[in-house]
């Protein structure tokens, strides 16, 4: 027997899909023509969320998270700090060591332990999208 939440969700799914499609097409202006991508082969986009325990100290609530962000800022790579993670992009030979350094920075700052959630995207051929190209149409 299916859980009541899931059976209700399945009944609502077609209506929600229709609503999403109707509002997306009505409210979204046409996207401008994309400029040709100029990223090299292997260009990497990574998002990392660090979850140190504790997140900080009594005096500095997000000390360990801030230590991780400081490593990203010092890298010189293009990045965007968000509420639940940070996106960074660049060549793989810089991204992979950076992800490890970010994780280690939380421990070095005094966290008892840490968990890092990492998503990575790359392409074998040149011309993959940049973060800016992926999110441009959603920004004001």
N, C-alpha and C. Protein backbone atom coordinates (compact mmCIF):
# COMPACT_ATOMS: atom_id res chain seq x y z
N UNK A 1 0.84 -1.18 0.00
CA UNK A 1 0.00 0.00 0.00
C UNK A 1 0.89 1.24 0.00
N UNK A 2 0.59 2.19 -0.85
CA UNK A 2 1.39 3.41 -0.94
C UNK A 2 1.12 4.32 0.24
N UNK A 3 2.13 5.04 0.60
CA UNK A 3 2.00 6.04 1.67
C UNK A 3 1.03 7.11 1.20
N UNK A 4 0.13 7.61 2.08
CA UNK A 4 -0.87 8.61 1.66
C UNK A 4 -0.26 9.85 1.02
N UNK A 5 0.90 10.28 1.49
CA UNK A 5 1.54 11.47 0.91
C UNK A 5 1.87 11.23 -0.56
N UNK A 6 2.44 10.04 -0.86
CA UNK A 6 2.86 9.76 -2.22
C UNK A 6 1.67 9.58 -3.16
N UNK A 7 0.61 8.92 -2.69
CA UNK A 7 -0.55 8.74 -3.56
C UNK A 7 -1.20 10.09 -3.85
N UNK A 8 -1.24 10.99 -2.86
CA UNK A 8 -1.78 12.34 -3.08
C UNK A 8 -0.88 13.10 -4.04
N UNK A 9 0.44 12.96 -3.88
CA UNK A 9 1.39 13.64 -4.75
C UNK A 9 1.24 13.20 -6.19
N UNK A 10 1.02 11.90 -6.39
CA UNK A 10 0.86 11.39 -7.75
C UNK A 10 -0.39 11.94 -8.41
N UNK A 11 -1.46 12.14 -7.63
CA UNK A 11 -2.68 12.73 -8.20
C UNK A 11 -2.46 14.20 -8.55
N UNK A 12 -1.63 14.89 -7.79
CA UNK A 12 -1.38 16.31 -8.04
C UNK A 12 -0.34 16.55 -9.11
N UNK A 13 0.50 15.58 -9.38
CA UNK A 13 1.63 15.78 -10.29
C UNK A 13 1.22 16.35 -11.65
N UNK A 14 0.20 15.79 -12.35
CA UNK A 14 -0.15 16.36 -13.67
C UNK A 14 -0.58 17.83 -13.57
N UNK A 15 -1.32 18.17 -12.54
CA UNK A 15 -1.76 19.56 -12.39
C UNK A 15 -0.58 20.48 -12.12
N UNK A 16 0.36 20.02 -11.30
CA UNK A 16 1.53 20.83 -11.00
C UNK A 16 2.41 21.00 -12.23
N UNK A 17 2.56 19.95 -13.02
CA UNK A 17 3.35 20.06 -14.24
C UNK A 17 2.71 21.05 -15.20
N UNK A 18 1.38 20.97 -15.35
CA UNK A 18 0.70 21.91 -16.22
C UNK A 18 0.88 23.33 -15.73
N UNK A 19 0.72 23.55 -14.41
CA UNK A 19 0.88 24.87 -13.83
C UNK A 19 2.29 25.40 -14.04
N UNK A 20 3.28 24.56 -13.82
CA UNK A 20 4.67 24.98 -14.00
C UNK A 20 4.92 25.37 -15.45
N UNK A 21 4.42 24.56 -16.38
CA UNK A 21 4.63 24.86 -17.80
C UNK A 21 3.90 26.14 -18.19
N UNK A 22 2.68 26.32 -17.71
CA UNK A 22 1.90 27.51 -18.07
C UNK A 22 2.54 28.78 -17.53
N UNK A 23 3.00 28.75 -16.30
CA UNK A 23 3.58 29.96 -15.73
C UNK A 23 4.97 30.22 -16.29
N UNK A 24 5.71 29.18 -16.61
CA UNK A 24 7.05 29.37 -17.16
C UNK A 24 6.97 30.03 -18.52
N UNK A 25 6.08 29.51 -19.36
CA UNK A 25 5.99 30.07 -20.71
C UNK A 25 5.39 31.47 -20.71
N UNK A 26 4.49 31.74 -19.79
CA UNK A 26 3.84 33.05 -19.76
C UNK A 26 4.72 34.11 -19.13
N UNK A 27 5.49 33.74 -18.11
CA UNK A 27 6.22 34.74 -17.36
C UNK A 27 7.67 34.91 -17.78
N UNK A 28 8.23 33.96 -18.50
CA UNK A 28 9.64 34.03 -18.85
C UNK A 28 9.82 34.66 -20.22
N UNK A 29 10.52 35.78 -20.26
CA UNK A 29 10.78 36.38 -21.57
C UNK A 29 11.74 35.49 -22.34
N UNK A 30 11.75 35.60 -23.65
CA UNK A 30 12.67 34.77 -24.42
C UNK A 30 14.11 35.07 -24.03
N UNK A 31 14.90 34.03 -23.95
CA UNK A 31 16.31 34.20 -23.58
C UNK A 31 17.06 34.85 -24.72
N UNK A 32 17.99 35.76 -24.38
CA UNK A 32 18.79 36.37 -25.44
C UNK A 32 19.67 35.31 -26.09
N UNK A 33 20.05 35.57 -27.32
CA UNK A 33 20.92 34.63 -28.02
C UNK A 33 22.21 34.48 -27.23
N UNK A 34 22.58 33.25 -26.99
CA UNK A 34 23.77 32.98 -26.19
C UNK A 34 25.02 33.22 -27.02
N UNK A 35 25.97 33.85 -26.40
CA UNK A 35 27.27 34.03 -27.06
C UNK A 35 27.96 32.67 -27.10
N UNK A 36 28.78 32.45 -28.10
CA UNK A 36 29.47 31.17 -28.16
C UNK A 36 30.31 30.96 -26.90
N UNK A 37 30.23 29.77 -26.36
CA UNK A 37 30.98 29.46 -25.14
C UNK A 37 32.46 29.40 -25.47
N UNK A 38 33.26 29.86 -24.53
CA UNK A 38 34.70 29.89 -24.77
C UNK A 38 35.46 29.17 -23.67
N UNK A 39 34.82 28.23 -23.00
CA UNK A 39 35.51 27.52 -21.95
C UNK A 39 36.37 26.42 -22.56
N UNK A 40 37.51 26.17 -21.97
CA UNK A 40 38.39 25.12 -22.49
C UNK A 40 37.87 23.73 -22.13
N UNK A 41 38.39 22.72 -22.80
CA UNK A 41 38.04 21.33 -22.45
C UNK A 41 38.41 21.10 -21.00
N UNK A 42 37.56 20.38 -20.30
CA UNK A 42 37.84 20.06 -18.91
C UNK A 42 37.42 21.13 -17.92
N UNK A 43 36.90 22.26 -18.41
CA UNK A 43 36.44 23.32 -17.51
C UNK A 43 35.50 22.72 -16.47
N UNK A 44 35.71 23.06 -15.20
CA UNK A 44 34.95 22.45 -14.11
C UNK A 44 34.12 23.50 -13.39
N UNK A 45 32.88 23.13 -13.12
CA UNK A 45 32.02 23.90 -12.22
C UNK A 45 31.78 22.99 -11.03
N UNK A 46 32.05 23.50 -9.84
CA UNK A 46 31.84 22.70 -8.63
C UNK A 46 31.06 23.52 -7.62
N UNK A 47 30.20 22.84 -6.89
CA UNK A 47 29.51 23.46 -5.77
C UNK A 47 29.89 22.66 -4.53
N UNK A 48 30.28 23.38 -3.49
CA UNK A 48 30.64 22.71 -2.25
C UNK A 48 29.88 23.34 -1.09
N UNK A 49 29.38 22.49 -0.25
CA UNK A 49 28.73 22.90 0.99
C UNK A 49 29.48 22.20 2.12
N UNK A 50 30.04 22.96 3.04
CA UNK A 50 30.71 22.36 4.19
C UNK A 50 29.76 22.39 5.38
N UNK A 51 29.76 21.30 6.11
CA UNK A 51 28.90 21.18 7.28
C UNK A 51 29.77 20.79 8.48
N UNK A 52 30.55 21.76 8.98
CA UNK A 52 31.41 21.45 10.14
C UNK A 52 30.57 21.35 11.40
N UNK A 53 31.08 20.57 12.35
CA UNK A 53 30.43 20.46 13.65
C UNK A 53 31.43 20.82 14.72
N UNK A 54 31.17 21.80 15.50
CA UNK A 54 30.09 22.78 15.36
C UNK A 54 30.39 23.73 14.19
N UNK A 55 29.39 24.51 13.79
CA UNK A 55 29.57 25.43 12.67
C UNK A 55 30.52 26.56 13.01
N UNK A 56 30.61 26.88 14.29
CA UNK A 56 31.48 27.97 14.73
C UNK A 56 31.70 27.90 16.22
N UNK A 57 31.99 29.06 16.76
CA UNK A 57 32.25 29.15 18.20
C UNK A 57 31.21 30.06 18.82
N UNK A 58 31.23 30.16 20.13
CA UNK A 58 30.29 31.05 20.82
C UNK A 58 30.51 32.50 20.39
N UNK A 59 31.74 32.87 20.15
CA UNK A 59 32.06 34.24 19.75
C UNK A 59 31.89 34.49 18.25
N UNK A 60 32.01 33.45 17.44
CA UNK A 60 31.96 33.59 15.99
C UNK A 60 31.14 32.42 15.44
N UNK A 61 29.86 32.65 15.26
CA UNK A 61 28.88 31.62 14.96
C UNK A 61 29.21 30.76 13.73
N UNK A 62 29.85 31.36 12.72
CA UNK A 62 30.14 30.63 11.48
C UNK A 62 31.65 30.58 11.21
N UNK A 63 32.44 30.53 12.24
CA UNK A 63 33.89 30.58 12.10
C UNK A 63 34.44 29.54 11.13
N UNK A 64 34.01 28.31 11.24
CA UNK A 64 34.56 27.23 10.42
C UNK A 64 34.09 27.33 8.97
N UNK A 65 32.86 27.74 8.76
CA UNK A 65 32.36 27.97 7.40
C UNK A 65 33.09 29.15 6.78
N UNK A 66 33.29 30.21 7.55
CA UNK A 66 34.01 31.38 7.05
C UNK A 66 35.45 31.02 6.67
N UNK A 67 36.06 30.09 7.40
CA UNK A 67 37.42 29.65 7.06
C UNK A 67 37.44 28.97 5.70
N UNK A 68 36.42 28.19 5.42
CA UNK A 68 36.31 27.53 4.12
C UNK A 68 36.13 28.56 3.01
N UNK A 69 35.27 29.54 3.23
CA UNK A 69 35.04 30.58 2.22
C UNK A 69 36.30 31.40 1.99
N UNK A 70 37.08 31.64 3.02
CA UNK A 70 38.33 32.38 2.87
C UNK A 70 39.29 31.66 1.93
N UNK A 71 39.32 30.34 2.00
CA UNK A 71 40.18 29.56 1.09
C UNK A 71 39.71 29.74 -0.35
N UNK A 72 38.42 29.74 -0.56
CA UNK A 72 37.87 29.94 -1.91
C UNK A 72 38.23 31.33 -2.41
N UNK A 73 38.05 32.34 -1.58
CA UNK A 73 38.35 33.71 -1.98
C UNK A 73 39.83 33.88 -2.32
N UNK A 74 40.70 33.22 -1.57
CA UNK A 74 42.14 33.33 -1.80
C UNK A 74 42.58 32.59 -3.07
N UNK A 75 41.74 31.70 -3.59
CA UNK A 75 42.11 30.92 -4.77
C UNK A 75 42.23 31.76 -6.03
N UNK A 76 41.51 32.88 -6.07
CA UNK A 76 41.51 33.71 -7.27
C UNK A 76 40.59 33.19 -8.35
N UNK A 77 39.91 32.07 -8.11
CA UNK A 77 38.98 31.53 -9.10
C UNK A 77 37.62 32.23 -8.99
N UNK A 78 36.89 32.22 -10.11
CA UNK A 78 35.55 32.80 -10.10
C UNK A 78 34.67 31.95 -9.19
N UNK A 79 33.95 32.62 -8.30
CA UNK A 79 33.10 31.90 -7.34
C UNK A 79 31.90 32.75 -6.96
N UNK A 80 30.89 32.08 -6.45
CA UNK A 80 29.71 32.75 -5.93
C UNK A 80 29.34 32.08 -4.62
N UNK A 81 29.29 32.88 -3.56
CA UNK A 81 28.90 32.37 -2.25
C UNK A 81 27.38 32.47 -2.15
N UNK A 82 26.75 31.37 -1.79
CA UNK A 82 25.30 31.32 -1.60
C UNK A 82 24.99 30.89 -0.17
N UNK A 83 23.75 30.92 0.19
CA UNK A 83 23.35 30.61 1.57
C UNK A 83 23.65 29.16 1.95
N UNK A 84 23.58 28.23 1.01
CA UNK A 84 23.74 26.82 1.34
C UNK A 84 24.90 26.16 0.62
N UNK A 85 25.80 26.94 0.10
CA UNK A 85 26.96 26.39 -0.59
C UNK A 85 27.61 27.46 -1.44
N UNK A 86 28.75 27.11 -2.00
CA UNK A 86 29.49 28.05 -2.84
C UNK A 86 29.83 27.35 -4.15
N UNK A 87 29.65 28.07 -5.25
CA UNK A 87 29.98 27.57 -6.58
C UNK A 87 31.31 28.19 -6.99
N UNK A 88 32.17 27.36 -7.54
CA UNK A 88 33.48 27.82 -8.01
C UNK A 88 33.72 27.16 -9.36
N UNK A 89 34.42 27.88 -10.26
CA UNK A 89 34.69 27.30 -11.57
C UNK A 89 36.11 27.61 -12.01
N UNK A 90 36.64 26.71 -12.83
CA UNK A 90 37.99 26.88 -13.32
C UNK A 90 38.54 25.57 -13.86
N UNK A 91 39.85 25.53 -14.08
CA UNK A 91 40.46 24.32 -14.61
C UNK A 91 40.51 23.21 -13.55
N UNK A 92 40.40 21.97 -13.98
CA UNK A 92 40.35 20.86 -13.03
C UNK A 92 41.58 20.78 -12.13
N UNK A 93 42.74 21.12 -12.66
CA UNK A 93 43.96 21.03 -11.85
C UNK A 93 43.97 22.05 -10.71
N UNK A 94 43.07 23.03 -10.75
CA UNK A 94 42.92 23.98 -9.64
C UNK A 94 41.71 23.65 -8.78
N UNK A 95 40.64 23.17 -9.39
CA UNK A 95 39.40 22.89 -8.66
C UNK A 95 39.56 21.73 -7.69
N UNK A 96 40.11 20.60 -8.15
CA UNK A 96 40.19 19.42 -7.29
C UNK A 96 41.01 19.66 -6.03
N UNK A 97 42.20 20.24 -6.12
CA UNK A 97 42.94 20.53 -4.88
C UNK A 97 42.22 21.56 -4.00
N UNK A 98 41.52 22.51 -4.65
CA UNK A 98 40.79 23.51 -3.89
C UNK A 98 39.68 22.87 -3.07
N UNK A 99 38.96 21.92 -3.64
CA UNK A 99 37.89 21.25 -2.89
C UNK A 99 38.45 20.57 -1.64
N UNK A 100 39.60 19.95 -1.77
CA UNK A 100 40.22 19.31 -0.60
C UNK A 100 40.65 20.37 0.42
N UNK A 101 41.22 21.47 -0.07
CA UNK A 101 41.66 22.54 0.84
C UNK A 101 40.49 23.17 1.58
N UNK A 102 39.35 23.31 0.91
CA UNK A 102 38.15 23.86 1.55
C UNK A 102 37.71 22.96 2.70
N UNK A 103 37.65 21.68 2.42
CA UNK A 103 37.25 20.71 3.44
C UNK A 103 38.21 20.77 4.63
N UNK A 104 39.51 20.75 4.35
CA UNK A 104 40.52 20.76 5.40
C UNK A 104 40.51 22.06 6.20
N UNK A 105 40.12 23.17 5.56
CA UNK A 105 40.12 24.47 6.25
C UNK A 105 39.16 24.47 7.43
N UNK A 106 38.05 23.76 7.31
CA UNK A 106 37.10 23.73 8.43
C UNK A 106 37.71 23.01 9.62
N UNK A 107 38.45 21.95 9.37
CA UNK A 107 39.10 21.21 10.46
C UNK A 107 40.24 22.04 11.05
N UNK A 108 41.01 22.69 10.18
CA UNK A 108 42.13 23.50 10.65
C UNK A 108 41.67 24.69 11.49
N UNK A 109 40.44 25.13 11.26
CA UNK A 109 39.93 26.28 12.02
C UNK A 109 39.37 25.86 13.38
N UNK A 110 39.34 24.54 13.64
CA UNK A 110 38.92 24.10 14.96
C UNK A 110 37.65 23.27 15.02
N UNK A 111 37.04 22.96 13.87
CA UNK A 111 35.85 22.12 13.91
C UNK A 111 36.23 20.72 14.39
N UNK A 112 35.33 20.10 15.13
CA UNK A 112 35.59 18.74 15.61
C UNK A 112 35.53 17.72 14.48
N UNK A 113 34.65 17.96 13.53
CA UNK A 113 34.52 17.11 12.35
C UNK A 113 33.83 17.92 11.26
N UNK A 114 33.86 17.43 10.03
CA UNK A 114 33.18 18.14 8.96
C UNK A 114 32.71 17.17 7.89
N UNK A 115 31.65 17.56 7.22
CA UNK A 115 31.11 16.83 6.09
C UNK A 115 31.03 17.82 4.94
N UNK A 116 31.54 17.44 3.78
CA UNK A 116 31.44 18.30 2.61
C UNK A 116 30.57 17.62 1.56
N UNK A 117 29.60 18.37 1.05
CA UNK A 117 28.74 17.90 -0.03
C UNK A 117 29.22 18.60 -1.29
N UNK A 118 29.64 17.81 -2.27
CA UNK A 118 30.27 18.37 -3.46
C UNK A 118 29.55 17.89 -4.71
N UNK A 119 29.27 18.82 -5.62
CA UNK A 119 28.74 18.49 -6.94
C UNK A 119 29.73 19.04 -7.95
N UNK A 120 30.07 18.25 -8.96
CA UNK A 120 31.06 18.65 -9.96
C UNK A 120 30.51 18.38 -11.35
N UNK A 121 30.72 19.35 -12.24
CA UNK A 121 30.33 19.20 -13.63
C UNK A 121 31.50 19.61 -14.51
N UNK A 122 31.77 18.81 -15.54
CA UNK A 122 32.81 19.16 -16.50
C UNK A 122 32.46 18.56 -17.85
N UNK A 123 33.15 19.04 -18.89
CA UNK A 123 32.92 18.55 -20.24
C UNK A 123 34.24 18.11 -20.86
N UNK A 124 34.16 17.11 -21.70
CA UNK A 124 35.37 16.61 -22.37
C UNK A 124 35.80 17.55 -23.49
N UNK A 125 34.86 18.23 -24.09
CA UNK A 125 35.16 19.11 -25.23
C UNK A 125 35.13 20.57 -24.81
N UNK A 126 35.84 21.43 -25.51
CA UNK A 126 35.78 22.87 -25.22
C UNK A 126 34.38 23.41 -25.45
N UNK A 127 34.08 24.52 -24.82
CA UNK A 127 32.82 25.21 -25.08
C UNK A 127 31.71 24.92 -24.11
N UNK A 128 32.00 24.27 -23.00
CA UNK A 128 30.95 24.03 -22.01
C UNK A 128 30.49 25.33 -21.40
N UNK A 129 29.34 25.31 -20.73
CA UNK A 129 28.80 26.55 -20.17
C UNK A 129 29.57 27.01 -18.94
N UNK A 130 29.46 28.30 -18.68
CA UNK A 130 29.98 28.89 -17.45
C UNK A 130 28.82 29.04 -16.48
N UNK A 131 29.12 29.34 -15.24
CA UNK A 131 28.07 29.58 -14.26
C UNK A 131 27.19 30.73 -14.74
N UNK A 132 27.79 31.79 -15.21
CA UNK A 132 27.04 32.95 -15.68
C UNK A 132 26.06 32.56 -16.79
N UNK A 133 26.49 31.75 -17.74
CA UNK A 133 25.60 31.33 -18.82
C UNK A 133 24.45 30.48 -18.31
N UNK A 134 24.71 29.68 -17.30
CA UNK A 134 23.67 28.80 -16.76
C UNK A 134 22.59 29.54 -15.98
N UNK A 135 22.95 30.64 -15.33
CA UNK A 135 21.98 31.32 -14.46
C UNK A 135 21.54 32.70 -14.95
N UNK A 136 22.10 33.16 -16.03
CA UNK A 136 21.82 34.52 -16.54
C UNK A 136 20.33 34.82 -16.65
N UNK A 137 19.56 33.91 -17.22
CA UNK A 137 18.13 34.20 -17.47
C UNK A 137 17.30 34.26 -16.19
N UNK A 138 17.87 33.82 -15.07
CA UNK A 138 17.13 33.85 -13.81
C UNK A 138 17.49 35.05 -12.93
N UNK A 139 18.41 35.84 -13.38
CA UNK A 139 18.85 37.01 -12.60
C UNK A 139 18.14 38.27 -13.07
N UNK A 140 17.90 39.18 -12.14
CA UNK A 140 17.22 40.42 -12.51
C UNK A 140 18.07 41.29 -13.42
